[in-house]
Structure formats: C-alpha cells, structure tokens
Amino acid sequence: MTNETEADMTGITPRRRPKPDIEEIGGRKLKPSTLMMGHGFDPALSEGSLKQPIFATSTFVFPNAAAGKRHFEGITGKREGGAEGLVYSRFNGPNQEILEDRLGVWEDAEEALAFSSGMSAIATLFLAFCNPGDTIIHSGPLYAATETLIARILGKFGVKFLDFPADASPDEIEAVMRKAGNSRVAMIYLESPANPTNALVDVEAVARLRDTVFGTGDDKPPIAIDNTFLGPLWQKPLQHGADMVVYSLTKYAGGHSDLVAGGVLGTRKHMDIVRAMRNTIGTICDPNTAWMLCRSLETLELRMSRAGENAAKVCEFLKDHPKVEKVGYLGFLKDDAQYDIYRRHCSGAGSTFSLYLKGGEREAFAFLDALKIAKLAVSLGGTETLASAPAAMTHISVPDERKKALRITDNLVRISIGVEDADDLIADFDAALDAV
C-alpha cells in the first residue's frame, strides 16, 4: 500500500520515516561517533544523496485535507498523541529532525530539540516551565546572560530565584532548597562546570536532595543542567539524575566558530512541554544551521579529544609558571570534594579552563594582548584557541560583589584550547607571560 493510498483510507499523515537505523552489529552497540555518519537519514528519501540536502522550505504539503486536520488536532492538543510528520518550518523540518536524532544519541536521551541559539534554548526552557510567582533554584556562577535572564527578565514577571555556589556542600544545597518554603519551585537549574570558574556541581546530590525536599511525585521540579563545557563527550548528566541537558551548540558541537545554535535534551515528558513552547514562539534553528551541525557532529569526538589532549599539555606547562597564581583545570583536582564529583560525573577534564595570573586587570590584559596564536575573543569549543577576560567582558554585567564571591576576578583569564599543535600553543603562552 502506498503512502498516498494509506492516507486516503485513514486520514492519517504517515511520517516518511527513514529506514531503520543500524544501531548494533553482532550484539555490539555502535558508538555515537559511528552513528553520526548516517543516523536518522535515509538516502533513498533524497534521490540517493549520500549527505542530507538542505531543505529550504517554509511549509510542507499535506496529501489531503483530512490529514491536515488531524495534524493540527495533534499540534493543538485537541487529540492525544501529538502530531507526526511535517507541516511548517517553525515547528520542525527534515534537517532539524536529523540533527535532533543525532544529538539524542550522544546523551542516550529520549528526545532532543534544536534552537536558534543557546540562549533561545534556555529562554524557551524557562518560559515552558515558569509561572508568575514561581521560584527558580540555580547554581552559581552561570553564564552571564543566563543570570540576566533569570534575575532581570523573568524577575519582571514575578519569578524569583534562590542560588547556591556550584561547589556547595549537600547541606548547603539542601538549606537553599528549603528556603523556597511554600513557593512553587519551577525548576532547579545547574551549570557544571560553571562558566568561567570551572567549579563542578554534584548532580547526584542535587537529585537526591530534590527528592528529599520536594518529594518524588510527578510535580517535583525538574533538574536541568547546562552541559556545554564538557558535553557530550566527557559528561552525561542524564545518567546522574538530571531530567534535561542544555547546550550552546555554538561551542563544541558546532566546533568551528561559524554558527550559533542551542539544544535541549531529556525525557519525552519534559521535551513535549518545551516543544510546545518552541512551536509557539518559533525559537527553532534554521535548516542550514542544522545541516552544518550534522556535519560538525561527524568530527566531534576527534576535535574534542585532540583539544583535550592539548589542554592537558598546556596546563601542565602553566601550573608551575612563576607568573601564574592558579590554573582552574579539572585534571588537577585531587583529594577533595570537587575531585569526588569529577571522579563520579566526568570522563575527561575538557579543554576550557580558568587561568588566574598574579596581579590584576593590567596583568591579564597584558597577557591577552601579547598572544599571537590564541585569539582574543569570547566563546569556546572551536578548533582555534580562544582567550578572554570574563570580569571585563562576558560577565561585566554581573554585580561586583557577586563576581567577587564567585571568584570572577580581574586576574582571571578564560582559555579554550583548540586543535593546533600543543607545543606551538605552549610557546605562545610562554611568550605572552614574558610580556606581563
């Protein structure tokens, strides 16, 4: 029976699903790096093209009017079960669906959603779960724009927040949770490692304490975590109690500093809520960006692995330099609470770290201005090495007292190591430190 005949008989729009993906061979589950080469795409649906085309269309054709009605009944909730198939590119498209399928593979997530930027992903997430008068509990520091969104934007609509330091003890975290009192807690939002200090949050402890304080029922606040610094290669928070994982896909997933995008992954129950909000406000990424991200995911493991190896060598050089106060690199953690979190949650130290120079802003600026290979720019996770001064740049809007409490100091330089030759990078940092 053809798709057209089936639609005529049932009034249902059948989704033209790709052929079943090969996810295991001989009982061996295939790794994400292998699945990135074709997962979610059937060349037979696109004239035999090895790679997915870019589907530059705003709308999709229904086989008949009854199918169109059924689709909108699913989208609007008039009929249970949602809607499959494609109708309009504000909701989804082939490139975005392939991207979302592949993102989900890395985290073993039930569902994934792609967005036009990391901040549009975060904003859509909060709008989906927060009501006026609700409270958000979050770790700190967060990416500065996230803190601004919570405190200044959502605050205008009556949403309150409580926060705890990323490296807080379980007792300190529980105390903050209990401060919420009778206020409805819409979400517990984490960022680990924290930007820009690299402090880790104990996700397992947060999940355990959430259930203790708020109960284990369906109305307990979901836990979402920004996994941009380590994910998806070196940390998988869904395995440690998080319900949703947030990404700036601009960073490691995109990896070439040539696109802006975001992602949210998690349980189907939670993703349905986020998807409904995204459908309404239109924060989905465009087809071209989704296509570029699928290209980038094919080399994600190679790029992150090389950058991680480079970072280990560079940090080893920096840690004993006479002009360096401290290197906030996860690979140097040992015999403390942060190391315990790292041991349980992480499989690698990443390639973004905090460098505290001896001195203040003058020394930090002198170092940054003397770099030749590393680029003076915000962002991270690209093929090139980037360096910036968070206190004076990305986190300048954070109040001074809060910056001080969170160790976002004037002598802090955030460095994201790329895939260049490690010895060349060491030579660059050595020369730049000589200029301080």
Protein backbone atom coordinates (compact mmCIF):
# COMPACT_ATOMS: atom_id res chain seq x y z
CA MET A 1 0.00 0.00 0.00
CA THR A 2 1.41 3.40 -0.93
CA ASN A 3 1.65 6.30 1.48
CA GLU A 4 -0.94 8.18 -0.58
CA THR A 5 -3.43 5.29 -0.51
CA GLU A 6 -2.93 4.80 3.23
CA ALA A 7 -3.58 8.50 3.85
CA ASP A 8 -6.76 8.41 1.73
CA MET A 9 -8.12 5.47 3.68
CA THR A 10 -7.25 6.54 7.21
CA GLY A 11 -6.99 10.32 7.17
CA ILE A 12 -3.63 9.95 8.90
CA THR A 13 -0.49 11.63 7.64
CA PRO A 14 2.15 8.89 7.84
CA ARG A 15 5.59 10.21 8.63
CA ARG A 16 8.05 9.23 5.94
CA ARG A 17 10.42 7.64 8.37
CA PRO A 18 13.92 6.72 7.30
CA LYS A 19 14.74 3.05 7.03
CA PRO A 20 15.55 1.50 10.41
CA ASP A 21 18.93 2.64 11.68
CA ILE A 22 21.60 0.04 12.26
CA GLU A 23 22.44 0.63 15.90
CA GLU A 24 24.20 -2.64 16.67
CA ILE A 25 26.14 -5.34 14.86
CA GLY A 26 26.58 -8.83 16.26
CA GLY A 27 25.31 -7.69 19.64
CA ARG A 28 27.76 -4.78 19.77
CA LYS A 29 26.10 -1.41 20.33
CA LEU A 30 27.57 1.09 17.91
CA LYS A 31 29.27 4.17 19.33
CA PRO A 32 27.92 7.70 18.75
CA SER A 33 30.97 8.59 16.62
CA THR A 34 29.94 5.82 14.21
CA LEU A 35 26.24 6.67 14.19
CA MET A 36 26.99 10.32 13.32
CA MET A 37 27.78 9.26 9.73
CA GLY A 38 24.21 8.41 8.82
CA HIS A 39 21.85 8.08 11.78
CA GLY A 40 18.36 9.39 11.09
CA PHE A 41 18.84 9.84 7.33
CA ASP A 42 17.81 7.51 4.50
CA PRO A 43 19.44 8.41 1.16
CA ALA A 44 16.54 6.74 -0.64
CA LEU A 45 14.27 9.56 0.54
CA SER A 46 16.56 12.17 -1.09
CA GLU A 47 17.38 10.85 -4.55
CA GLY A 48 20.19 8.67 -3.19
CA SER A 49 22.20 11.62 -1.85
CA LEU A 50 24.95 10.41 0.49
CA LYS A 51 24.53 13.51 2.64
CA GLN A 52 21.25 15.13 3.58
CA PRO A 53 20.20 18.05 1.37
CA ILE A 54 19.31 21.39 2.91
CA PHE A 55 15.52 21.57 2.92
CA ALA A 56 14.96 25.27 2.25
CA THR A 57 11.20 25.41 2.58
CA SER A 58 8.79 27.20 4.88
CA THR A 59 5.91 24.73 4.60
CA PHE A 60 5.10 21.13 3.69
CA VAL A 61 2.31 19.68 1.52
CA PHE A 62 -0.49 17.55 3.01
CA PRO A 63 -1.75 14.56 0.98
CA ASN A 64 -5.35 15.58 1.72
CA ALA A 65 -7.44 17.91 3.87
CA ALA A 66 -8.31 15.23 6.45
CA ALA A 67 -4.61 14.65 7.06
CA GLY A 68 -4.13 18.39 7.59
CA LYS A 69 -6.95 18.50 10.14
CA ARG A 70 -5.57 15.51 12.01
CA HIS A 71 -2.12 17.06 12.13
CA PHE A 72 -3.38 20.32 13.65
CA GLU A 73 -5.54 18.41 16.13
CA GLY A 74 -2.33 16.78 17.32
CA ILE A 75 -0.36 20.02 17.45
CA THR A 76 -3.02 21.92 19.39
CA GLY A 77 -3.79 19.10 21.82
CA LYS A 78 -7.36 18.52 20.65
CA ARG A 79 -6.28 14.93 20.00
CA GLU A 80 -4.00 12.96 22.28
CA GLY A 81 -0.77 11.58 20.92
CA GLY A 82 0.67 14.72 19.36
CA ALA A 83 1.45 15.02 15.67
CA GLU A 84 3.93 13.31 13.43
CA GLY A 85 5.05 14.46 10.04
CA LEU A 86 5.95 17.92 8.84
CA VAL A 87 3.70 20.92 8.38
CA TYR A 88 5.58 24.20 8.89
CA SER A 89 9.23 25.05 9.48
CA ARG A 90 8.57 26.95 12.70
CA PHE A 91 7.69 23.56 14.17
CA ASN A 92 10.33 21.38 12.57
CA GLY A 93 11.93 20.25 9.32
CA PRO A 94 13.95 17.33 7.96
CA ASN A 95 17.36 18.86 8.76
CA GLN A 96 16.33 19.70 12.30
CA GLU A 97 14.85 16.25 12.88
CA ILE A 98 18.03 14.52 11.72
CA LEU A 99 20.10 16.80 13.95
CA GLU A 100 17.85 16.12 16.93
CA ASP A 101 18.03 12.37 16.38
CA ARG A 102 21.82 12.53 16.37
CA LEU A 103 22.06 14.80 19.41
CA GLY A 104 19.95 12.34 21.35
CA VAL A 105 22.39 9.53 20.55
CA TRP A 106 25.24 11.21 22.43
CA GLU A 107 23.29 11.51 25.68
CA ASP A 108 21.01 8.45 25.37
CA ALA A 109 18.18 10.98 25.61
CA GLU A 110 14.60 10.10 24.75
CA GLU A 111 14.15 13.36 22.83
CA ALA A 112 16.22 16.34 21.68
CA LEU A 113 15.24 19.79 20.41
CA ALA A 114 17.34 22.27 18.44
CA PHE A 115 17.17 26.06 18.84
CA SER A 116 18.44 29.21 17.15
CA SER A 117 20.98 29.87 19.93
CA GLY A 118 21.99 28.62 23.34
CA MET A 119 20.13 31.49 24.98
CA SER A 120 16.97 30.89 22.94
CA ALA A 121 17.10 27.29 24.17
CA ILE A 122 17.45 28.44 27.79
CA ALA A 123 14.78 31.14 27.45
CA THR A 124 12.33 28.68 25.87
CA LEU A 125 13.06 26.19 28.65
CA PHE A 126 12.28 28.72 31.38
CA LEU A 127 9.18 30.05 29.64
CA ALA A 128 7.89 26.50 29.28
CA PHE A 129 8.11 25.71 32.99
CA CYS A 130 7.82 29.02 34.88
CA ASN A 131 4.69 30.85 36.01
CA PRO A 132 4.48 34.25 37.77
CA GLY A 133 5.36 33.83 41.44
CA ASP A 134 7.44 30.69 40.88
CA THR A 135 10.98 30.25 42.14
CA ILE A 136 14.00 29.00 40.21
CA ILE A 137 16.76 27.43 42.26
CA HIS A 138 20.11 27.55 40.49
CA SER A 139 23.81 27.04 40.97
CA GLY A 140 26.28 29.88 40.54
CA PRO A 141 28.00 31.22 38.67
CA LEU A 142 26.00 30.80 35.49
CA TYR A 143 26.73 32.14 32.05
CA ALA A 144 26.12 35.87 32.50
CA ALA A 145 23.25 36.06 30.02
CA THR A 146 21.51 33.22 31.87
CA GLU A 147 21.85 35.09 35.16
CA THR A 148 20.47 38.21 33.47
CA LEU A 149 17.53 36.26 32.06
CA ILE A 150 16.64 34.83 35.46
CA ALA A 151 17.17 37.90 37.62
CA ARG A 152 16.20 40.77 35.35
CA ILE A 153 13.90 39.45 32.63
CA LEU A 154 11.93 36.74 34.42
CA GLY A 155 12.06 38.87 37.55
CA LYS A 156 9.88 41.43 35.79
CA PHE A 157 7.17 38.78 35.59
CA GLY A 158 7.32 37.84 39.26
CA VAL A 159 9.67 34.86 39.00
CA LYS A 160 12.07 34.71 41.97
CA PHE A 161 15.33 32.84 42.37
CA LEU A 162 17.49 31.24 45.03
CA ASP A 163 21.05 30.18 44.33
CA PHE A 164 23.93 28.26 45.80
CA PRO A 165 27.64 28.12 44.83
CA ALA A 166 28.48 25.43 42.29
CA ASP A 167 30.83 23.78 44.78
CA ALA A 168 28.37 23.96 47.69
CA SER A 169 28.14 21.01 50.08
CA PRO A 170 24.97 18.86 50.19
CA ASP A 171 23.96 20.53 53.47
CA GLU A 172 24.30 23.99 51.89
CA ILE A 173 22.29 22.92 48.84
CA GLU A 174 19.50 21.46 51.00
CA ALA A 175 19.36 24.65 53.07
CA VAL A 176 18.81 26.74 49.92
CA MET A 177 16.11 24.36 48.68
CA ARG A 178 14.24 24.64 51.96
CA LYS A 179 14.33 28.44 51.75
CA ALA A 180 11.79 28.18 48.94
CA GLY A 181 9.14 27.49 51.58
CA ASN A 182 5.66 27.34 50.10
CA SER A 183 6.69 28.93 46.82
CA ARG A 184 6.32 26.67 43.79
CA VAL A 185 9.79 25.72 42.55
CA ALA A 186 9.53 25.61 38.77
CA MET A 187 13.00 24.28 38.10
CA ILE A 188 16.40 23.51 39.54
CA TYR A 189 18.89 24.83 37.02
CA LEU A 190 22.57 23.91 37.13
CA GLU A 191 25.70 24.73 35.17
CA SER A 192 28.60 22.35 35.58
CA PRO A 193 31.41 23.06 35.08
CA ALA A 194 30.46 26.64 35.90
CA ASN A 195 31.34 29.41 33.49
CA PRO A 196 34.03 30.73 33.88
CA THR A 197 35.42 29.21 37.10
CA ASN A 198 35.17 25.50 36.18
CA ALA A 199 33.56 24.67 39.55
CA LEU A 200 31.59 21.40 39.49
CA VAL A 201 28.08 20.77 40.78
CA ASP A 202 27.24 17.42 42.39
CA VAL A 203 24.29 16.50 40.18
CA GLU A 204 23.67 13.24 42.04
CA ALA A 205 23.44 15.08 45.34
CA VAL A 206 21.11 17.71 43.86
CA ALA A 207 18.80 14.98 42.52
CA ARG A 208 18.79 13.15 45.85
CA LEU A 209 18.10 16.34 47.81
CA ARG A 210 15.39 17.42 45.34
CA ASP A 211 13.53 14.19 46.05
CA THR A 212 14.04 14.59 49.80
CA VAL A 213 12.81 18.19 49.96
CA PHE A 214 10.13 18.23 47.26
CA GLY A 215 9.08 14.58 47.13
CA THR A 216 9.21 12.04 44.33
CA GLY A 217 5.85 12.75 42.71
CA ASP A 218 5.24 13.95 39.19
CA ASP A 219 5.03 17.56 40.41
CA LYS A 220 8.61 17.68 41.70
CA PRO A 221 10.71 20.39 39.99
CA PRO A 222 12.75 19.10 37.05
CA ILE A 223 16.53 19.40 37.08
CA ALA A 224 18.12 20.97 34.01
CA ILE A 225 21.85 21.43 33.52
CA ASP A 226 23.99 23.39 31.09
CA ASN A 227 26.47 20.77 29.86
CA THR A 228 28.25 22.95 27.30
CA PHE A 229 31.75 22.82 28.81
CA LEU A 230 32.11 19.02 28.95
CA GLY A 231 29.30 17.50 26.95
CA PRO A 232 28.57 15.34 25.31
CA LEU A 233 31.92 13.57 25.33
CA TRP A 234 33.15 13.98 28.90
CA GLN A 235 29.94 14.27 30.95
CA LYS A 236 26.45 12.77 30.65
CA PRO A 237 24.26 14.35 33.36
CA LEU A 238 21.12 12.40 32.42
CA GLN A 239 22.89 9.37 33.87
CA HIS A 240 23.36 11.15 37.20
CA GLY A 241 19.85 12.40 37.90
CA ALA A 242 19.26 15.38 35.61
CA ASP A 243 15.99 15.45 33.67
CA MET A 244 17.17 17.79 30.92
CA VAL A 245 20.50 18.83 29.45
CA VAL A 246 21.07 22.23 27.84
CA TYR A 247 23.69 23.10 25.24
CA SER A 248 25.10 26.04 23.45
CA LEU A 249 25.63 24.04 20.26
CA THR A 250 27.65 27.03 19.08
CA LYS A 251 30.53 25.64 21.12
CA TYR A 252 31.93 22.09 20.87
CA ALA A 253 29.03 20.61 18.90
CA GLY A 254 29.39 23.24 16.16
CA GLY A 255 33.09 23.46 16.86
CA HIS A 256 34.20 25.78 14.05
CA SER A 257 33.07 29.20 15.33
CA ASP A 258 30.86 29.62 12.27
CA LEU A 259 27.33 29.11 13.60
CA VAL A 260 25.06 29.90 16.56
CA ALA A 261 22.62 27.30 17.90
CA GLY A 262 21.31 25.65 21.06
CA GLY A 263 19.86 22.37 22.22
CA VAL A 264 17.78 20.84 25.00
CA LEU A 265 17.69 17.07 25.54
CA GLY A 266 15.86 14.92 28.04
CA THR A 267 12.84 12.81 28.84
CA ARG A 268 9.97 12.73 26.39
CA LYS A 269 7.62 14.08 29.08
CA HIS A 270 9.72 17.20 29.61
CA MET A 271 10.59 17.68 25.94
CA ASP A 272 6.91 17.71 24.99
CA ILE A 273 6.45 20.74 27.26
CA VAL A 274 9.48 22.53 25.78
CA ARG A 275 8.46 21.64 22.22
CA ALA A 276 5.02 23.18 22.70
CA MET A 277 6.64 26.46 23.76
CA ARG A 278 9.13 26.35 20.88
CA ASN A 279 6.30 25.75 18.40
CA THR A 280 4.56 28.88 19.69
CA ILE A 281 7.45 31.34 19.91
CA GLY A 282 9.49 29.99 16.99
CA THR A 283 12.96 29.58 18.51
CA ILE A 284 13.92 26.61 16.33
CA CYS A 285 17.23 26.71 14.43
CA ASP A 286 17.18 27.13 10.65
CA PRO A 287 17.77 24.26 8.16
CA ASN A 288 21.21 25.49 7.08
CA THR A 289 22.46 25.65 10.68
CA ALA A 290 21.04 22.18 11.38
CA TRP A 291 22.85 20.87 8.29
CA MET A 292 26.13 22.44 9.42
CA LEU A 293 25.73 20.94 12.89
CA CYS A 294 25.19 17.47 11.44
CA ARG A 295 28.44 17.95 9.53
CA SER A 296 30.22 19.03 12.69
CA LEU A 297 28.91 16.13 14.77
CA GLU A 298 30.77 13.74 12.47
CA THR A 299 34.09 15.04 13.83
CA LEU A 300 33.01 15.95 17.35
CA GLU A 301 34.87 13.13 19.09
CA LEU A 302 38.04 13.78 17.05
CA ARG A 303 38.02 17.51 17.76
CA MET A 304 37.21 17.27 21.45
CA SER A 305 39.75 14.52 22.01
CA ARG A 306 42.55 16.48 20.33
CA ALA A 307 41.61 19.67 22.19
CA GLY A 308 41.51 17.77 25.48
CA GLU A 309 44.97 16.30 24.89
CA ASN A 310 46.30 19.77 24.04
CA ALA A 311 44.76 21.30 27.16
CA ALA A 312 46.43 18.71 29.41
CA LYS A 313 49.86 19.59 27.96
CA VAL A 314 49.29 23.36 28.10
CA CYS A 315 48.00 23.28 31.69
CA GLU A 316 50.93 21.17 32.79
CA PHE A 317 53.20 23.94 31.48
CA LEU A 318 51.17 26.75 33.05
CA LYS A 319 50.65 25.36 36.54
CA ASP A 320 54.23 25.97 37.75
CA HIS A 321 54.89 29.21 35.88
CA PRO A 322 56.09 31.96 38.27
CA LYS A 323 53.54 34.47 36.92
CA VAL A 324 50.58 32.13 37.37
CA GLU A 325 48.63 32.11 40.62
CA LYS A 326 46.39 29.14 39.83
CA VAL A 327 45.14 27.02 36.94
CA GLY A 328 41.49 26.01 37.30
CA TYR A 329 41.80 22.82 35.26
CA LEU A 330 39.72 19.80 36.19
CA GLY A 331 42.62 17.46 35.52
CA PHE A 332 44.43 18.91 38.56
CA LEU A 333 41.68 18.09 41.08
CA LYS A 334 42.61 15.59 43.77
CA ASP A 335 41.66 14.53 47.27
CA ASP A 336 38.79 16.98 47.83
CA ALA A 337 35.04 17.26 47.33
CA GLN A 338 35.43 18.63 43.81
CA TYR A 339 37.60 15.68 42.83
CA ASP A 340 34.96 13.30 44.19
CA ILE A 341 32.37 14.92 41.90
CA TYR A 342 34.78 14.80 38.97
CA ARG A 343 35.51 11.11 39.60
CA ARG A 344 31.80 10.21 39.65
CA HIS A 345 30.49 12.51 36.93
CA CYS A 346 33.21 13.14 34.36
CA SER A 347 35.25 11.02 31.97
CA GLY A 348 37.62 13.82 30.94
CA ALA A 349 38.87 17.21 32.07
CA GLY A 350 37.80 19.14 28.97
CA SER A 351 39.72 21.82 27.15
CA THR A 352 38.33 25.02 28.68
CA PHE A 353 39.88 26.23 31.92
CA SER A 354 40.39 29.28 34.12
CA LEU A 355 43.84 30.83 34.43
CA TYR A 356 44.47 33.14 37.39
CA LEU A 357 47.50 35.35 36.84
CA LYS A 358 49.44 37.00 39.63
CA GLY A 359 48.22 40.59 39.64
CA GLY A 360 45.00 42.08 38.34
CA GLU A 361 43.41 43.51 35.23
CA ARG A 362 46.64 45.11 33.99
CA GLU A 363 48.46 41.78 34.00
CA ALA A 364 45.51 39.93 32.45
CA PHE A 365 45.23 42.48 29.64
CA ALA A 366 49.00 42.44 29.01
CA PHE A 367 48.88 38.66 28.66
CA LEU A 368 45.89 38.72 26.33
CA ASP A 369 47.34 41.47 24.14
CA ALA A 370 50.61 39.58 23.71
CA LEU A 371 49.07 36.35 22.39
CA LYS A 372 49.88 35.53 18.76
CA ILE A 373 48.24 32.15 18.06
CA ALA A 374 45.39 32.24 20.58
CA LYS A 375 42.67 34.66 19.53
CA LEU A 376 41.32 37.33 21.88
CA ALA A 377 37.62 36.51 21.60
CA VAL A 378 34.69 35.28 23.65
CA SER A 379 33.10 31.86 23.11
CA LEU A 380 34.79 28.49 23.39
CA GLY A 381 34.92 24.98 21.97
CA GLY A 382 36.12 25.92 18.48
CA THR A 383 39.01 24.49 16.50
CA GLU A 384 41.05 27.57 17.38
CA THR A 385 42.33 28.54 20.83
CA LEU A 386 40.44 31.48 22.37
CA ALA A 387 41.19 33.61 25.42
CA SER A 388 39.19 36.33 27.18
CA ALA A 389 38.85 38.26 30.45
CA PRO A 390 35.40 37.31 31.87
CA ALA A 391 35.26 40.02 34.56
CA ALA A 392 35.75 42.71 31.91
CA MET A 393 33.88 41.02 29.07
CA THR A 394 31.28 38.24 29.26
CA HIS A 395 30.50 38.76 32.97
CA ILE A 396 30.85 42.56 33.15
CA SER A 397 27.11 42.90 33.82
CA VAL A 398 27.36 40.71 36.95
CA PRO A 399 27.37 42.92 40.10
CA ASP A 400 30.86 43.41 41.55
CA GLU A 401 30.04 41.82 44.89
CA ARG A 402 28.67 38.72 43.21
CA LYS A 403 31.71 38.48 40.94
CA LYS A 404 33.94 38.68 43.98
CA ALA A 405 32.00 35.98 45.82
CA LEU A 406 32.18 33.68 42.79
CA ARG A 407 35.92 34.31 42.16
CA ILE A 408 35.32 36.01 38.82
CA THR A 409 38.26 38.30 39.46
CA ASP A 410 40.16 40.82 37.36
CA ASN A 411 43.15 38.48 37.09
CA LEU A 412 41.06 35.63 35.67
CA VAL A 413 41.59 34.65 32.03
CA ARG A 414 39.32 32.02 30.48
CA ILE A 415 41.07 29.87 27.90
CA SER A 416 39.53 27.42 25.44
CA ILE A 417 42.18 25.25 23.83
CA GLY A 418 41.79 24.29 20.18
CA VAL A 419 43.30 21.67 17.90
CA GLU A 420 46.55 23.45 17.00
CA ASP A 421 49.93 21.89 17.80
CA ALA A 422 50.29 21.80 21.59
CA ASP A 423 53.95 22.83 21.60
CA ASP A 424 53.13 25.85 19.44
CA LEU A 425 50.47 26.89 21.95
CA ILE A 426 52.87 26.49 24.84
CA ALA A 427 55.38 28.71 23.02
CA ASP A 428 52.65 31.32 22.52
CA PHE A 429 51.61 31.32 26.20
CA ASP A 430 55.23 31.37 27.32
CA ALA A 431 55.97 34.43 25.23
CA ALA A 432 52.77 36.16 26.35
CA LEU A 433 53.63 35.57 30.02
CA ASP A 434 57.06 37.05 29.41
CA ALA A 435 55.28 40.24 28.33
CA VAL A 436 53.38 40.53 31.63
